[in-house]
N, C-alpha and C. Protein backbone atom coordinates (compact mmCIF):
# COMPACT_ATOMS: atom_id res chain seq x y z
N UNK A 1 94.29 221.72 29.41
CA UNK A 1 95.70 221.27 29.76
C UNK A 1 96.51 222.60 30.31
N UNK A 2 97.27 222.15 31.23
CA UNK A 2 97.99 223.12 32.25
C UNK A 2 99.26 223.77 31.26
N UNK A 3 99.45 224.91 31.38
CA UNK A 3 100.54 225.52 30.60
C UNK A 3 101.77 225.37 31.68
N UNK A 4 103.14 225.31 31.03
CA UNK A 4 103.93 225.21 31.93
C UNK A 4 104.88 226.42 31.87
N UNK A 5 105.01 227.23 33.18
CA UNK A 5 105.96 228.48 33.07
C UNK A 5 107.27 228.22 32.89
N UNK A 6 108.02 229.28 32.71
CA UNK A 6 109.45 229.15 32.14
C UNK A 6 110.15 228.54 33.56
N UNK A 7 109.81 228.86 34.90
CA UNK A 7 110.56 228.36 35.86
C UNK A 7 110.39 226.75 36.17
N UNK A 8 109.26 226.23 35.69
CA UNK A 8 108.89 224.94 35.82
C UNK A 8 109.62 224.05 34.87
N UNK A 9 109.59 224.73 33.50
CA UNK A 9 110.30 224.00 32.43
C UNK A 9 111.75 223.91 32.63
N UNK A 10 112.47 224.99 33.20
CA UNK A 10 114.02 225.13 33.41
C UNK A 10 114.23 223.79 34.56
N UNK A 11 113.24 223.84 35.53
CA UNK A 11 113.39 222.92 36.39
C UNK A 11 113.30 221.48 35.87
N UNK A 12 112.47 221.20 35.24
CA UNK A 12 112.33 219.73 34.47
C UNK A 12 113.31 219.43 33.47
N UNK A 13 113.88 220.44 32.70
CA UNK A 13 115.05 220.28 31.68
C UNK A 13 116.30 219.98 32.67
N UNK A 14 116.55 220.72 33.73
CA UNK A 14 117.68 220.49 34.42
C UNK A 14 117.72 219.23 35.24
N UNK A 15 116.53 218.63 35.58
CA UNK A 15 116.44 217.43 36.40
C UNK A 15 116.66 216.35 35.07
N UNK A 16 116.00 216.53 34.06
CA UNK A 16 116.04 215.32 33.03
C UNK A 16 117.72 215.41 32.50
N UNK A 17 118.26 216.60 32.44
CA UNK A 17 119.76 216.28 31.99
C UNK A 17 120.71 215.89 33.05
N UNK A 18 120.36 215.91 34.28
CA UNK A 18 121.10 215.40 35.45
C UNK A 18 120.82 213.67 35.64
N UNK A 19 119.52 213.60 35.18
CA UNK A 19 119.10 212.05 35.28
C UNK A 19 119.77 211.21 34.05
N UNK A 20 119.79 211.89 32.82
CA UNK A 20 120.33 211.29 31.72
C UNK A 20 121.94 211.25 32.04
N UNK A 21 122.65 211.95 32.39
CA UNK A 21 124.07 211.89 32.71
C UNK A 21 124.30 210.71 33.70
N UNK A 22 123.51 210.83 34.77
CA UNK A 22 123.74 209.74 35.87
C UNK A 22 123.31 208.46 35.31
N UNK A 23 122.55 208.41 34.46
CA UNK A 23 121.91 207.02 34.17
C UNK A 23 122.94 206.45 33.29
N UNK A 24 123.90 207.41 32.27
CA UNK A 24 124.59 206.73 31.46
C UNK A 24 125.79 206.41 32.08
N UNK A 25 126.33 207.01 33.24
CA UNK A 25 127.49 206.55 33.96
C UNK A 25 126.99 205.25 34.81
N UNK A 26 125.82 204.95 35.17
CA UNK A 26 125.44 203.87 35.91
C UNK A 26 125.30 202.64 34.98
N UNK A 27 125.06 203.06 33.76
CA UNK A 27 125.26 201.69 32.66
C UNK A 27 126.64 201.34 32.65
N UNK A 28 127.40 202.38 32.30
CA UNK A 28 128.96 201.99 32.02
C UNK A 28 129.51 201.26 33.40
N UNK A 29 129.03 201.55 34.61
CA UNK A 29 129.79 201.00 35.68
C UNK A 29 129.08 199.54 35.90
N UNK A 30 127.94 199.23 35.31
CA UNK A 30 127.29 197.78 35.44
C UNK A 30 128.18 196.76 34.82
N UNK A 31 129.04 197.25 33.67
CA UNK A 31 129.79 196.14 33.02
C UNK A 31 130.97 195.82 33.97
N UNK A 32 130.87 194.86 34.80
CA UNK A 32 132.04 194.68 35.88
C UNK A 32 132.49 193.31 35.85
N UNK A 33 131.77 192.24 35.18
CA UNK A 33 132.04 191.00 35.22
C UNK A 33 132.74 190.68 33.77
N UNK A 34 133.89 189.80 34.02
CA UNK A 34 134.85 189.35 33.03
C UNK A 34 133.79 188.34 32.27
N UNK A 35 133.58 188.23 30.97
CA UNK A 35 132.96 187.12 30.35
C UNK A 35 133.74 186.11 30.27
N UNK A 36 133.08 185.17 30.64
CA UNK A 36 133.75 183.49 30.67
C UNK A 36 133.41 182.69 29.52
N UNK A 37 134.16 181.84 28.87
CA UNK A 37 133.84 180.85 27.91
C UNK A 37 132.70 180.24 27.82
N UNK A 38 132.31 179.65 29.24
CA UNK A 38 131.07 178.80 29.41
C UNK A 38 129.81 179.65 29.31
N UNK A 39 129.78 180.71 29.37
CA UNK A 39 128.68 181.72 29.10
C UNK A 39 127.82 181.26 28.00
N UNK A 40 126.54 181.16 28.19
CA UNK A 40 125.64 180.80 27.14
C UNK A 40 125.86 181.50 25.88
N UNK A 41 125.79 182.88 25.88
CA UNK A 41 125.95 183.74 24.75
C UNK A 41 127.29 183.58 24.32
N UNK A 42 128.16 183.44 25.08
CA UNK A 42 129.91 183.39 24.63
C UNK A 42 129.92 182.09 23.87
N UNK A 43 129.32 181.00 24.38
CA UNK A 43 129.26 179.86 23.57
C UNK A 43 128.69 179.60 22.42
N UNK A 44 127.37 180.43 22.17
CA UNK A 44 126.66 180.75 20.96
C UNK A 44 127.73 181.40 19.66
N UNK A 45 128.46 182.28 20.19
CA UNK A 45 129.11 183.29 19.16
C UNK A 45 130.52 182.74 19.32
N UNK A 46 130.83 181.52 19.77
CA UNK A 46 132.29 181.01 19.93
C UNK A 46 133.47 181.94 20.51
N UNK A 47 133.00 182.52 21.51
CA UNK A 47 133.88 183.64 22.17
C UNK A 47 135.26 182.75 22.77
N UNK A 48 136.03 183.54 22.53
CA UNK A 48 137.49 182.90 23.09
C UNK A 48 138.20 184.04 23.50
N UNK A 49 139.08 184.17 24.68
CA UNK A 49 139.62 185.23 25.16
C UNK A 49 141.08 185.67 24.55
N UNK A 50 141.51 184.68 23.49
CA UNK A 50 142.61 184.87 22.73
C UNK A 50 142.44 184.43 21.16
N UNK A 51 142.46 185.81 20.51
CA UNK A 51 141.86 185.40 19.26
C UNK A 51 142.83 184.57 18.38
N UNK A 52 142.43 183.50 17.22
CA UNK A 52 143.39 183.00 16.64
C UNK A 52 143.05 183.15 15.12
N UNK A 53 142.33 184.48 15.09
CA UNK A 53 142.03 184.87 13.61
C UNK A 53 143.08 186.02 13.31
N UNK A 54 143.97 186.12 12.53
CA UNK A 54 144.92 187.24 12.37
C UNK A 54 144.23 188.46 11.83
N UNK A 55 144.43 189.58 12.68
CA UNK A 55 143.88 190.85 12.60
C UNK A 55 142.50 191.19 12.98
N UNK A 56 141.90 190.03 13.51
CA UNK A 56 140.51 190.04 14.28
C UNK A 56 140.68 189.85 15.69
N UNK A 57 140.31 190.98 16.45
CA UNK A 57 140.33 190.65 17.89
C UNK A 57 139.29 191.88 18.31
N UNK A 58 139.01 191.59 19.70
CA UNK A 58 137.90 192.33 20.31
C UNK A 58 138.25 194.03 20.25
N UNK A 59 139.60 194.12 20.38
CA UNK A 59 140.12 195.49 20.45
C UNK A 59 139.85 196.27 19.27
N UNK A 60 139.72 195.68 18.24
CA UNK A 60 139.68 196.40 16.76
C UNK A 60 138.23 195.97 16.26
N UNK A 61 137.11 195.61 17.07
CA UNK A 61 135.78 195.33 16.60
C UNK A 61 134.70 196.56 16.85
N UNK A 62 133.95 196.85 16.04
CA UNK A 62 133.18 198.31 16.22
C UNK A 62 132.25 197.97 17.56
N UNK A 63 132.06 196.84 18.00
CA UNK A 63 131.20 196.81 19.14
C UNK A 63 131.70 197.03 20.53
N UNK A 64 133.20 197.13 20.62
CA UNK A 64 133.86 197.45 21.68
C UNK A 64 133.62 198.60 22.26
N UNK A 65 133.69 198.86 23.70
CA UNK A 65 133.08 200.11 24.22
C UNK A 65 134.33 200.57 25.18
N UNK A 66 134.32 201.55 26.03
CA UNK A 66 135.16 201.98 26.79
C UNK A 66 136.44 202.58 26.61
N UNK A 67 137.24 202.82 27.43
CA UNK A 67 138.51 203.54 27.48
C UNK A 67 139.48 202.60 26.56
N UNK A 68 140.24 203.31 25.49
CA UNK A 68 141.41 202.89 24.82
C UNK A 68 142.41 202.42 25.82
N UNK A 69 143.01 201.28 25.70
CA UNK A 69 144.41 200.99 26.50
C UNK A 69 144.31 200.14 27.54
N UNK A 70 142.79 199.92 27.68
CA UNK A 70 142.61 198.76 28.80
C UNK A 70 142.62 197.55 28.31
N UNK A 71 142.94 196.39 28.99
CA UNK A 71 142.76 195.11 28.78
C UNK A 71 141.60 194.43 28.56
N UNK A 72 140.53 194.93 29.38
CA UNK A 72 139.43 194.37 29.38
C UNK A 72 138.12 195.57 29.27
N UNK A 73 137.14 195.46 28.36
CA UNK A 73 136.28 196.59 28.25
C UNK A 73 135.05 195.94 27.85
N UNK A 74 134.00 196.60 27.91
CA UNK A 74 132.73 196.35 27.78
C UNK A 74 132.29 196.13 26.09
N UNK A 75 131.53 195.46 25.87
CA UNK A 75 131.18 195.05 24.45
C UNK A 75 129.54 195.04 24.46
N UNK A 76 128.97 195.72 23.15
CA UNK A 76 127.69 195.82 23.04
C UNK A 76 127.03 194.38 22.81
N UNK A 77 127.79 193.45 22.41
CA UNK A 77 127.25 192.06 22.18
C UNK A 77 126.98 191.44 23.44
N UNK A 78 127.69 191.70 24.46
CA UNK A 78 127.83 190.89 25.82
C UNK A 78 127.56 192.05 26.83
N UNK A 79 126.12 192.42 26.95
CA UNK A 79 125.76 193.40 27.84
C UNK A 79 126.11 193.28 29.41
N UNK A 80 126.69 194.09 30.09
CA UNK A 80 127.06 193.79 31.51
C UNK A 80 128.25 192.92 31.64
N UNK A 81 129.16 192.67 30.69
CA UNK A 81 130.19 191.96 30.89
C UNK A 81 131.42 192.60 30.24
N UNK A 82 132.40 192.36 30.59
CA UNK A 82 133.75 192.77 29.96
C UNK A 82 134.63 191.95 29.11
N UNK A 83 134.93 192.25 28.18
CA UNK A 83 135.80 191.18 27.26
C UNK A 83 137.12 191.40 27.21
N UNK A 84 137.90 190.36 26.96
CA UNK A 84 139.48 190.71 26.53
C UNK A 84 139.77 191.22 25.27
N UNK A 85 140.48 192.33 25.27
CA UNK A 85 140.54 193.05 24.11
C UNK A 85 141.32 192.11 22.90
N UNK A 86 142.08 191.14 23.66
CA UNK A 86 142.84 190.11 22.55
C UNK A 86 141.85 189.13 22.22
N UNK A 87 140.68 188.98 22.74
CA UNK A 87 139.82 188.00 22.32
C UNK A 87 138.96 188.24 20.93
N UNK A 88 138.31 187.42 20.61
CA UNK A 88 137.39 187.21 19.56
C UNK A 88 136.05 186.44 19.81
N UNK A 89 135.08 186.76 18.67
CA UNK A 89 133.77 186.09 18.62
C UNK A 89 133.36 185.98 17.22
N UNK A 90 132.41 185.17 16.94
CA UNK A 90 131.83 185.33 15.52
C UNK A 90 131.09 186.64 15.33
N UNK A 91 130.61 187.39 16.21
CA UNK A 91 130.08 188.64 15.81
C UNK A 91 131.14 189.66 15.38
N UNK A 92 132.31 189.64 15.31
CA UNK A 92 133.28 190.49 15.15
C UNK A 92 133.12 191.26 13.86
N UNK A 93 133.11 192.31 13.86
CA UNK A 93 133.11 193.32 12.83
C UNK A 93 134.20 194.47 12.75
N UNK A 94 135.08 194.69 11.78
CA UNK A 94 136.15 195.56 11.80
C UNK A 94 135.61 197.08 11.95
N UNK A 95 136.17 197.68 12.89
CA UNK A 95 135.84 198.99 13.41
C UNK A 95 136.04 200.08 12.14
N UNK A 96 135.27 200.87 11.61
CA UNK A 96 135.43 201.70 10.60
C UNK A 96 136.42 202.77 10.94
N UNK A 97 137.05 203.34 9.95
CA UNK A 97 138.27 204.23 10.18
C UNK A 97 139.41 203.81 10.13
């Protein structure tokens, strides 16, 4: 087995760190399309862009991601899609805290 010297180790560690950082940014940037009610996953989970359940909406769900204050944000349940923060689906779980 070949030993790794300090210079090679630092080069690999730096490259890995840059790759992980840029990879995370790329994943967040992929969520660009707004989720539609006729999407098969949305239908299966009864997604609606306007919640009819008091106190339950995508904006206070534990699966919502992205920056606070935006009207459409990524959701872990619907990868690559943006959901309306006023929406709701049957996978809704209150955010702890």
